[in-house]
Amino acid sequence: MARLDRMRQNQEIIDALGLKHISTSLKDSAQSNCAKRKRSRASVVVDDDYVPPIGDDENDVESSNSLIHKMAPGRLTHSRGSTSRNTRGTTRGVAVRTLVEKSGKLPVRIAAEYDAPVGKNACKLVNQIGVQVRSNLSSYNVKNWKSVDAAIRDVVLQSIEDQFELEGDSNLVTKAINTKCGRLLSSGSNKLYQTYKKLVQSHGADYAKTHPPKNATLAQWTGLIEGRWTNKDWLEKSRINSENRSKTSGKHRCGTKALAVRVDEETNNNDGQVIELAKIYKDVHFNPNTNRWIQPEDEATYETILKVQEDHCQDPNAIPLTQEEISNLVFKKKSGIVKGLGMRPSSSLVTTASSNSSVEYIHRLESEIIELKEARARDKEERAKEQEVRAKQDEVQNNILNFLRSKGYDDAFTYGGGSSSS
């Protein structure tokens, strides 16, 4: 309002002085400024073809690596000095690079018990791996990470080593990083395929082939279309895999934090003792905001976990089950992993890690396993002796009953009301 009042006062002065040409110039200037503002608003682009960044299934969300990571289909994208719709590129990995320049390499522990990165910087590591994989691969049409050219793999791994201090056995570190690279490559290709199918359905195959999403170049896009997505053998294999995945339920609410990272944090807060399976299961399958389970069968699984431990502990002499044993009893056993905890089985924890804490941890686990086996052996022997005693008691009792029946007594031992003795 104050601005309008000043404009009216200026106009009255101009009219009083008869300076109409100045008035015309001011009007033209105001119209020009208005047009500029309209053009500025017009430079805001509605990005209808945008798809979220490619990431890992569990935790590759570029919340710390991209200034535009929360863009969604149809979101307005601002551009200063340019109306280009592709605003990604130089912003990839900015947050991590800034932290490295400020404080040096970010420490990340590759834990032998999880075979994966854990700790506060684990998510940043996985995000950065995803950025490097997408930035350095000219083609996604490869069978797996091992099939990628060795020179490209070396570039990706070196970039990671330049930004992160990876703690753990060297062989384990190499294996874990390569595994993450392979999973991110696979999940990224799958997300692109889902985008391709939607484009084909809505706009047709010809349109889809020439309109790649923002997170893939035209060469990468067409390479996948011609090498995979139109190949009959690949499509049949993809169909079978999709059907198999649909038969399993694996929905959870881990968010950006991988299960291994979550369990490791809970274990550290629990004086180094592995967190209870029931607690971690409820944390990742129950939503307290809606007071509902992610899937209806999740509540039944949770109740089963509680019941297994409760039933086992009804025997006062029973040794409490470990969380790994509970997992094996509740879930279908899977080789190489303790389901629900994201850990490796205790029997496979063999490592050459130089870290004293890792070595001590493994020795402690091995000692606990030996003690459990010995205790269970003793318990089994005691149970066998008890059964033997009970069997003898039953035999004596049966002999007495048979003798009494032979003397005319019935099973209820009614001496007066039933049969009479001779």
Protein backbone atom coordinates (compact mmCIF):
# COMPACT_ATOMS: atom_id res chain seq x y z
CA MET A 1 0.00 0.00 0.00
CA ALA A 2 2.82 2.43 0.80
CA ARG A 3 4.31 1.75 -2.62
CA LEU A 4 1.01 2.54 -4.36
CA ASP A 5 0.69 5.78 -2.38
CA ARG A 6 4.19 6.88 -3.46
CA MET A 7 3.35 6.07 -7.09
CA ARG A 8 0.17 8.15 -6.90
CA GLN A 9 2.10 11.08 -5.38
CA ASN A 10 4.75 10.86 -8.10
CA GLN A 11 2.04 10.78 -10.76
CA GLU A 12 0.37 13.90 -9.28
CA ILE A 13 3.69 15.77 -9.32
CA ILE A 14 4.35 14.71 -12.91
CA ASP A 15 0.87 15.81 -14.02
CA ALA A 16 1.28 19.12 -12.20
CA LEU A 17 4.57 19.81 -13.97
CA GLY A 18 3.22 18.63 -17.32
CA LEU A 19 5.92 16.03 -17.81
CA LYS A 20 3.77 13.50 -19.68
CA HIS A 21 6.70 11.90 -21.46
CA ILE A 22 8.22 10.99 -18.07
CA SER A 23 4.86 9.52 -17.03
CA THR A 24 4.81 7.42 -20.18
CA SER A 25 8.37 6.23 -19.49
CA LEU A 26 7.47 5.24 -15.93
CA LYS A 27 4.45 3.30 -17.16
CA ASP A 28 6.57 1.53 -19.75
CA SER A 29 9.13 0.73 -17.08
CA ALA A 30 6.46 -0.62 -14.75
CA GLN A 31 5.02 -2.75 -17.56
CA SER A 32 8.51 -3.97 -18.40
CA ASN A 33 9.15 -4.95 -14.77
CA CYS A 34 5.80 -6.73 -14.64
CA ALA A 35 6.64 -8.62 -17.81
CA LYS A 36 10.00 -9.61 -16.37
CA ARG A 37 8.31 -10.95 -13.25
CA LYS A 38 5.89 -12.91 -15.43
CA ARG A 39 8.78 -14.32 -17.44
CA SER A 40 10.53 -15.21 -14.22
CA ARG A 41 7.44 -17.09 -13.07
CA ALA A 42 7.17 -18.69 -16.50
CA SER A 43 10.71 -20.09 -16.12
CA VAL A 44 9.38 -22.36 -13.38
CA VAL A 45 9.05 -25.71 -15.13
CA VAL A 46 6.59 -28.47 -14.30
CA ASP A 47 8.66 -31.63 -14.57
CA ASP A 48 6.04 -34.26 -15.34
CA ASP A 49 8.56 -36.87 -16.50
CA TYR A 50 10.74 -36.67 -13.41
CA VAL A 51 11.37 -39.87 -11.46
CA PRO A 52 13.06 -40.05 -8.04
CA PRO A 53 16.80 -40.79 -7.90
CA ILE A 54 17.89 -44.39 -8.33
CA GLY A 55 18.86 -45.89 -5.00
CA ASP A 56 19.24 -48.98 -2.92
CA ASP A 57 16.15 -50.93 -1.87
CA GLU A 58 16.73 -50.35 1.80
CA ASN A 59 18.65 -47.19 2.27
CA ASP A 60 19.86 -45.40 -0.86
CA VAL A 61 17.95 -42.14 -0.48
CA GLU A 62 20.03 -39.17 -1.51
CA SER A 63 18.77 -36.95 1.30
CA SER A 64 22.28 -35.78 2.07
CA ASN A 65 23.71 -35.80 -1.44
CA SER A 66 21.32 -33.78 -3.55
CA LEU A 67 19.72 -30.38 -3.16
CA ILE A 68 16.69 -31.56 -5.10
CA HIS A 69 16.28 -35.05 -3.68
CA LYS A 70 12.65 -34.52 -2.64
CA MET A 71 11.38 -33.64 -6.11
CA ALA A 72 8.30 -35.61 -7.12
CA PRO A 73 6.36 -35.93 -10.39
CA GLY A 74 4.87 -32.56 -11.26
CA ARG A 75 6.94 -30.64 -8.72
CA LEU A 76 8.00 -27.11 -9.70
CA THR A 77 11.72 -26.83 -10.32
CA HIS A 78 13.33 -23.39 -10.16
CA SER A 79 16.25 -22.49 -12.35
CA ARG A 80 18.34 -19.35 -12.11
CA GLY A 81 19.80 -18.14 -15.35
CA SER A 82 18.52 -21.16 -17.24
CA THR A 83 15.25 -22.84 -18.05
CA SER A 84 16.84 -26.28 -18.36
CA ARG A 85 14.72 -29.02 -16.85
CA ASN A 86 17.70 -31.13 -15.83
CA THR A 87 18.88 -29.61 -12.55
CA ARG A 88 20.91 -32.62 -11.41
CA GLY A 89 24.57 -33.07 -12.11
CA THR A 90 26.93 -30.90 -10.08
CA THR A 91 24.75 -31.26 -6.97
CA ARG A 92 25.39 -34.99 -6.76
CA GLY A 93 27.45 -35.82 -3.68
CA VAL A 94 27.87 -32.16 -2.71
CA ALA A 95 27.06 -32.73 0.97
CA VAL A 96 29.58 -35.57 1.29
CA ARG A 97 32.31 -33.61 -0.52
CA THR A 98 31.67 -30.64 1.76
CA LEU A 99 32.03 -32.79 4.86
CA VAL A 100 35.22 -34.40 3.54
CA GLU A 101 36.78 -31.00 2.71
CA LYS A 102 35.90 -29.74 6.17
CA SER A 103 36.73 -32.70 8.40
CA GLY A 104 38.58 -35.23 6.23
CA LYS A 105 37.51 -38.74 5.29
CA LEU A 106 34.30 -40.01 6.89
CA PRO A 107 34.86 -43.14 9.02
CA VAL A 108 32.66 -46.16 8.29
CA ARG A 109 33.02 -49.59 9.89
CA ILE A 110 32.46 -52.66 7.72
CA ALA A 111 31.19 -55.07 10.36
CA ALA A 112 32.01 -58.77 10.02
CA GLU A 113 28.87 -59.76 11.92
CA TYR A 114 26.68 -57.99 9.31
CA ASP A 115 28.96 -58.16 6.26
CA ALA A 116 27.88 -54.56 5.64
CA PRO A 117 28.67 -50.94 6.58
CA VAL A 118 27.32 -49.74 9.93
CA GLY A 119 27.50 -46.54 11.96
CA LYS A 120 26.34 -42.96 11.50
CA ASN A 121 28.06 -42.55 8.12
CA ALA A 122 26.85 -45.85 6.62
CA CYS A 123 23.92 -44.22 4.80
CA LYS A 124 26.19 -41.55 3.34
CA LEU A 125 28.53 -44.26 2.08
CA VAL A 126 25.72 -46.15 0.35
CA ASN A 127 24.37 -42.92 -1.18
CA GLN A 128 27.79 -42.03 -2.51
CA ILE A 129 28.27 -45.51 -3.96
CA GLY A 130 25.01 -45.05 -5.84
CA VAL A 131 26.12 -41.65 -7.14
CA GLN A 132 29.46 -43.02 -8.36
CA VAL A 133 27.90 -46.07 -10.02
CA ARG A 134 25.38 -43.93 -11.92
CA SER A 135 27.93 -41.26 -12.81
CA ASN A 136 30.65 -43.53 -14.18
CA LEU A 137 28.73 -46.21 -16.07
CA SER A 138 28.12 -45.36 -19.72
CA SER A 139 25.83 -48.36 -20.07
CA TYR A 140 23.53 -50.17 -17.62
CA ASN A 141 23.12 -53.09 -20.01
CA VAL A 142 25.49 -55.38 -18.11
CA LYS A 143 24.74 -58.72 -16.48
CA ASN A 144 26.13 -57.76 -13.08
CA TRP A 145 28.77 -55.62 -11.38
CA LYS A 146 31.52 -58.14 -12.18
CA SER A 147 30.73 -57.67 -15.87
CA VAL A 148 31.50 -53.93 -15.69
CA ASP A 149 34.84 -52.95 -17.17
CA ALA A 150 37.59 -53.27 -14.55
CA ALA A 151 38.84 -49.72 -15.19
CA ILE A 152 35.40 -48.28 -14.41
CA ARG A 153 35.09 -50.39 -11.26
CA ASP A 154 38.48 -49.13 -10.11
CA VAL A 155 37.41 -45.51 -10.64
CA VAL A 156 34.28 -46.03 -8.55
CA LEU A 157 36.13 -47.81 -5.73
CA GLN A 158 38.93 -45.23 -5.69
CA SER A 159 36.42 -42.39 -5.43
CA ILE A 160 34.85 -44.09 -2.43
CA GLU A 161 38.23 -44.64 -0.78
CA ASP A 162 39.09 -40.97 -1.31
CA GLN A 163 36.05 -39.87 0.70
CA PHE A 164 35.61 -42.59 3.33
CA GLU A 165 37.88 -44.22 5.89
CA LEU A 166 36.72 -47.83 5.61
CA GLU A 167 37.47 -49.76 8.81
CA GLY A 168 37.70 -53.53 8.82
CA ASP A 169 39.46 -56.43 7.17
CA SER A 170 40.59 -55.44 3.67
CA ASN A 171 39.02 -58.48 2.03
CA LEU A 172 35.75 -57.89 3.84
CA VAL A 173 35.76 -54.20 2.88
CA THR A 174 36.32 -54.97 -0.80
CA LYS A 175 33.60 -57.61 -0.78
CA ALA A 176 31.05 -55.38 0.98
CA ILE A 177 31.64 -52.38 -1.31
CA ASN A 178 31.44 -54.50 -4.46
CA THR A 179 28.24 -56.12 -3.17
CA LYS A 180 26.67 -52.70 -2.64
CA CYS A 181 27.74 -51.58 -6.11
CA GLY A 182 26.09 -54.63 -7.63
CA ARG A 183 22.85 -54.18 -5.70
CA LEU A 184 22.61 -50.49 -6.54
CA LEU A 185 23.26 -51.22 -10.21
CA SER A 186 20.55 -53.87 -10.20
CA SER A 187 17.97 -51.82 -8.31
CA GLY A 188 18.72 -48.79 -10.48
CA SER A 189 18.13 -50.74 -13.67
CA ASN A 190 14.91 -52.14 -12.25
CA LYS A 191 13.58 -48.66 -11.40
CA LEU A 192 14.35 -47.51 -14.92
CA TYR A 193 12.45 -50.52 -16.26
CA GLN A 194 9.40 -49.62 -14.17
CA THR A 195 9.55 -46.09 -15.60
CA TYR A 196 9.85 -47.47 -19.13
CA LYS A 197 6.76 -49.68 -18.70
CA LYS A 198 4.72 -46.71 -17.47
CA LEU A 199 5.83 -44.56 -20.43
CA VAL A 200 4.98 -47.33 -22.89
CA GLN A 201 1.57 -47.74 -21.34
CA SER A 202 0.77 -44.03 -21.32
CA HIS A 203 2.54 -42.76 -24.49
CA GLY A 204 3.56 -45.77 -26.56
CA ALA A 205 6.86 -47.54 -27.27
CA ASP A 206 8.17 -44.98 -29.77
CA TYR A 207 7.70 -42.11 -27.33
CA ALA A 208 9.20 -44.07 -24.44
CA LYS A 209 12.32 -44.91 -26.44
CA THR A 210 13.13 -41.26 -27.14
CA HIS A 211 12.21 -39.83 -23.73
CA PRO A 212 14.58 -41.12 -21.05
CA PRO A 213 14.07 -39.95 -17.44
CA LYS A 214 16.39 -37.39 -15.92
CA ASN A 215 18.56 -39.98 -14.18
CA ALA A 216 19.64 -41.74 -17.40
CA THR A 217 21.25 -40.61 -20.62
CA LEU A 218 19.71 -41.44 -23.99
CA ALA A 219 22.53 -43.93 -24.67
CA GLN A 220 21.97 -45.72 -21.34
CA TRP A 221 18.21 -45.71 -21.93
CA THR A 222 18.26 -47.10 -25.47
CA GLY A 223 20.93 -49.62 -24.51
CA LEU A 224 18.61 -51.10 -21.89
CA ILE A 225 15.61 -51.04 -24.22
CA GLU A 226 17.38 -52.81 -27.08
CA GLY A 227 19.53 -55.09 -24.93
CA ARG A 228 16.96 -56.18 -22.33
CA TRP A 229 13.48 -54.76 -22.24
CA THR A 230 12.52 -55.90 -25.75
CA ASN A 231 14.34 -59.24 -25.53
CA LYS A 232 11.90 -62.18 -25.25
CA ASP A 233 14.22 -64.34 -23.13
CA TRP A 234 14.89 -61.50 -20.71
CA LEU A 235 11.19 -60.63 -20.47
CA GLU A 236 10.28 -64.23 -19.67
CA LYS A 237 12.94 -64.43 -16.98
CA SER A 238 11.76 -61.11 -15.56
CA ARG A 239 8.17 -62.36 -15.44
CA ILE A 240 9.17 -65.49 -13.52
CA ASN A 241 11.26 -63.49 -11.05
CA SER A 242 8.38 -61.05 -10.49
CA GLU A 243 6.00 -63.89 -9.74
CA ASN A 244 8.45 -65.40 -7.25
CA ARG A 245 8.93 -62.06 -5.49
CA SER A 246 5.19 -61.53 -5.26
CA LYS A 247 4.89 -64.73 -3.21
CA THR A 248 7.08 -63.34 -0.44
CA SER A 249 6.20 -60.50 1.91
CA GLY A 250 9.01 -58.16 2.79
CA LYS A 251 7.46 -54.78 3.45
CA HIS A 252 8.90 -52.80 6.33
CA ARG A 253 9.46 -49.25 7.51
CA CYS A 254 13.25 -49.17 7.89
CA GLY A 255 13.35 -45.98 5.81
CA THR A 256 16.81 -44.71 4.91
CA LYS A 257 18.45 -46.73 7.68
CA ALA A 258 19.39 -50.28 6.71
CA LEU A 259 18.42 -53.11 9.03
CA ALA A 260 22.07 -53.86 9.81
CA VAL A 261 22.68 -50.23 10.81
CA ARG A 262 19.55 -50.20 12.98
CA VAL A 263 20.40 -53.49 14.74
CA ASP A 264 24.00 -52.38 15.30
CA GLU A 265 22.86 -49.15 16.95
CA GLU A 266 20.38 -50.98 19.17
CA THR A 267 23.04 -53.54 20.13
CA ASN A 268 25.53 -50.81 21.07
CA ASN A 269 22.86 -49.17 23.23
CA ASN A 270 22.21 -52.56 24.86
CA ASP A 271 25.74 -53.02 26.26
CA GLY A 272 26.83 -55.07 23.26
CA GLN A 273 24.06 -57.64 23.64
CA VAL A 274 22.10 -58.42 20.48
CA ILE A 275 18.73 -56.67 20.62
CA GLU A 276 15.66 -58.87 21.05
CA LEU A 277 14.20 -60.08 17.78
CA ALA A 278 10.66 -59.21 18.92
CA LYS A 279 11.60 -55.58 19.58
CA ILE A 280 13.42 -54.98 16.31
CA TYR A 281 10.68 -56.76 14.37
CA LYS A 282 8.00 -54.52 15.84
CA ASP A 283 10.11 -51.41 15.24
CA VAL A 284 10.30 -52.08 11.51
CA HIS A 285 6.83 -53.57 10.94
CA PHE A 286 4.55 -51.53 13.20
CA ASN A 287 3.63 -47.90 12.58
CA PRO A 288 2.95 -46.13 15.91
CA ASN A 289 1.51 -43.11 14.13
CA THR A 290 -1.32 -45.10 12.60
CA ASN A 291 -1.26 -47.80 15.30
CA ARG A 292 -1.28 -50.41 12.55
CA TRP A 293 1.00 -53.17 11.28
CA ILE A 294 2.46 -52.78 7.80
CA GLN A 295 0.78 -56.05 6.77
CA PRO A 296 -1.94 -57.99 8.62
CA GLU A 297 0.21 -61.10 8.98
CA ASP A 298 3.00 -59.11 10.68
CA GLU A 299 1.10 -59.06 13.97
CA ALA A 300 0.73 -62.86 13.91
CA THR A 301 4.47 -63.22 13.25
CA TYR A 302 5.23 -60.91 16.18
CA GLU A 303 3.00 -62.95 18.48
CA THR A 304 4.74 -66.13 17.31
CA ILE A 305 8.15 -64.68 18.20
CA LEU A 306 6.95 -63.93 21.73
CA LYS A 307 5.29 -67.34 22.09
CA VAL A 308 8.37 -69.30 21.02
CA GLN A 309 10.50 -67.79 23.77
CA GLU A 310 7.69 -68.00 26.32
CA ASP A 311 6.97 -71.68 25.64
CA HIS A 312 10.64 -72.55 25.80
CA CYS A 313 11.08 -70.82 29.17
CA GLN A 314 8.18 -72.69 30.80
CA ASP A 315 10.70 -75.35 31.75
CA PRO A 316 12.62 -73.82 34.70
CA ASN A 317 15.73 -75.76 33.71
CA ALA A 318 15.66 -74.63 30.08
CA ILE A 319 18.40 -72.36 28.78
CA PRO A 320 16.94 -69.25 27.11
CA LEU A 321 17.09 -69.32 23.34
CA THR A 322 19.41 -66.96 21.52
CA GLN A 323 17.87 -64.43 19.14
CA GLU A 324 19.38 -66.39 16.26
CA GLU A 325 17.70 -69.59 17.43
CA ILE A 326 14.35 -67.81 17.77
CA SER A 327 14.73 -66.50 14.22
CA ASN A 328 15.43 -69.99 12.89
CA LEU A 329 12.33 -71.33 14.65
CA VAL A 330 9.98 -68.54 13.51
CA PHE A 331 11.18 -67.81 9.99
CA LYS A 332 12.07 -70.04 7.12
CA LYS A 333 15.81 -70.55 7.49
CA LYS A 334 17.91 -68.74 4.90
CA SER A 335 21.52 -69.58 4.23
CA GLY A 336 24.02 -66.92 5.22
CA ILE A 337 21.71 -64.63 7.21
CA VAL A 338 19.71 -64.48 10.43
CA LYS A 339 16.32 -63.28 9.21
CA GLY A 340 14.85 -60.36 11.11
CA LEU A 341 18.25 -59.20 12.38
CA GLY A 342 20.26 -58.86 9.17
CA MET A 343 23.20 -60.66 10.77
CA ARG A 344 25.39 -63.50 9.64
CA PRO A 345 24.86 -66.85 11.40
CA SER A 346 27.21 -67.32 14.35
CA SER A 347 28.60 -70.47 12.75
CA SER A 348 29.84 -68.48 9.74
CA LEU A 349 31.54 -65.69 11.67
CA VAL A 350 35.06 -66.42 10.49
CA THR A 351 37.19 -63.38 9.74
CA THR A 352 40.78 -62.24 9.70
CA ALA A 353 39.93 -58.75 10.85
CA SER A 354 42.83 -56.97 12.48
CA SER A 355 40.54 -55.03 14.78
CA ASN A 356 40.92 -56.30 18.35
CA SER A 357 37.27 -55.59 19.11
CA SER A 358 36.13 -57.72 16.18
CA VAL A 359 38.42 -60.61 17.19
CA GLU A 360 37.26 -60.44 20.81
CA TYR A 361 33.64 -60.33 19.68
CA ILE A 362 34.07 -63.48 17.61
CA HIS A 363 35.91 -65.31 20.41
CA ARG A 364 33.14 -64.38 22.82
CA LEU A 365 30.51 -65.72 20.43
CA GLU A 366 32.42 -68.96 19.92
CA SER A 367 32.77 -69.44 23.70
CA GLU A 368 29.05 -68.82 24.19
CA ILE A 369 28.23 -71.35 21.49
CA ILE A 370 30.45 -73.99 23.12
CA GLU A 371 28.89 -73.32 26.53
CA LEU A 372 25.39 -73.57 25.07
CA LYS A 373 26.19 -76.88 23.38
CA GLU A 374 27.64 -78.33 26.59
CA ALA A 375 24.69 -77.12 28.66
CA ARG A 376 22.24 -78.59 26.19
CA ALA A 377 24.09 -81.89 26.19
CA ARG A 378 23.84 -82.03 29.99
CA ASP A 379 20.19 -81.08 29.82
CA LYS A 380 19.57 -83.85 27.29
CA GLU A 381 21.26 -86.41 29.53
CA GLU A 382 19.19 -85.33 32.53
CA ARG A 383 16.00 -85.54 30.50
CA ALA A 384 16.94 -89.05 29.34
CA LYS A 385 17.51 -90.15 32.95
CA GLU A 386 14.17 -88.67 34.01
CA GLN A 387 12.41 -90.50 31.21
CA GLU A 388 14.09 -93.75 32.23
CA VAL A 389 12.95 -93.31 35.85
CA ARG A 390 9.41 -92.49 34.72
CA ALA A 391 9.37 -95.55 32.48
CA LYS A 392 10.33 -97.79 35.44
CA GLN A 393 7.69 -96.16 37.63
CA ASP A 394 5.07 -96.73 34.93
CA GLU A 395 6.14 -100.37 34.65
CA VAL A 396 5.79 -100.92 38.41
CA GLN A 397 2.42 -99.22 38.43
CA ASN A 398 1.18 -101.36 35.55
CA ASN A 399 2.33 -104.51 37.32
CA ILE A 400 0.39 -103.49 40.45
CA LEU A 401 -2.74 -102.75 38.41
CA ASN A 402 -2.53 -106.07 36.63
CA PHE A 403 -2.13 -107.90 39.94
CA LEU A 404 -5.17 -106.13 41.41
CA ARG A 405 -7.28 -106.90 38.36
CA SER A 406 -6.32 -110.55 38.65
CA LYS A 407 -7.67 -110.49 42.20
CA GLY A 408 -11.03 -109.10 41.09
CA TYR A 409 -10.58 -105.42 41.76
CA ASP A 410 -11.71 -102.95 39.07
CA ASP A 411 -9.66 -100.05 37.75
CA ALA A 412 -11.26 -97.63 40.22
CA PHE A 413 -10.19 -99.80 43.14
CA THR A 414 -13.70 -99.96 44.53
CA TYR A 415 -13.41 -102.65 47.19
CA GLY A 416 -16.99 -102.64 48.46
CA GLY A 417 -19.27 -101.57 45.69
CA GLY A 418 -17.93 -103.49 42.69
CA SER A 419 -16.70 -107.02 42.77
CA SER A 420 -16.02 -108.99 45.92
CA SER A 421 -12.85 -110.78 46.78
CA SER A 422 -12.78 -114.51 46.97
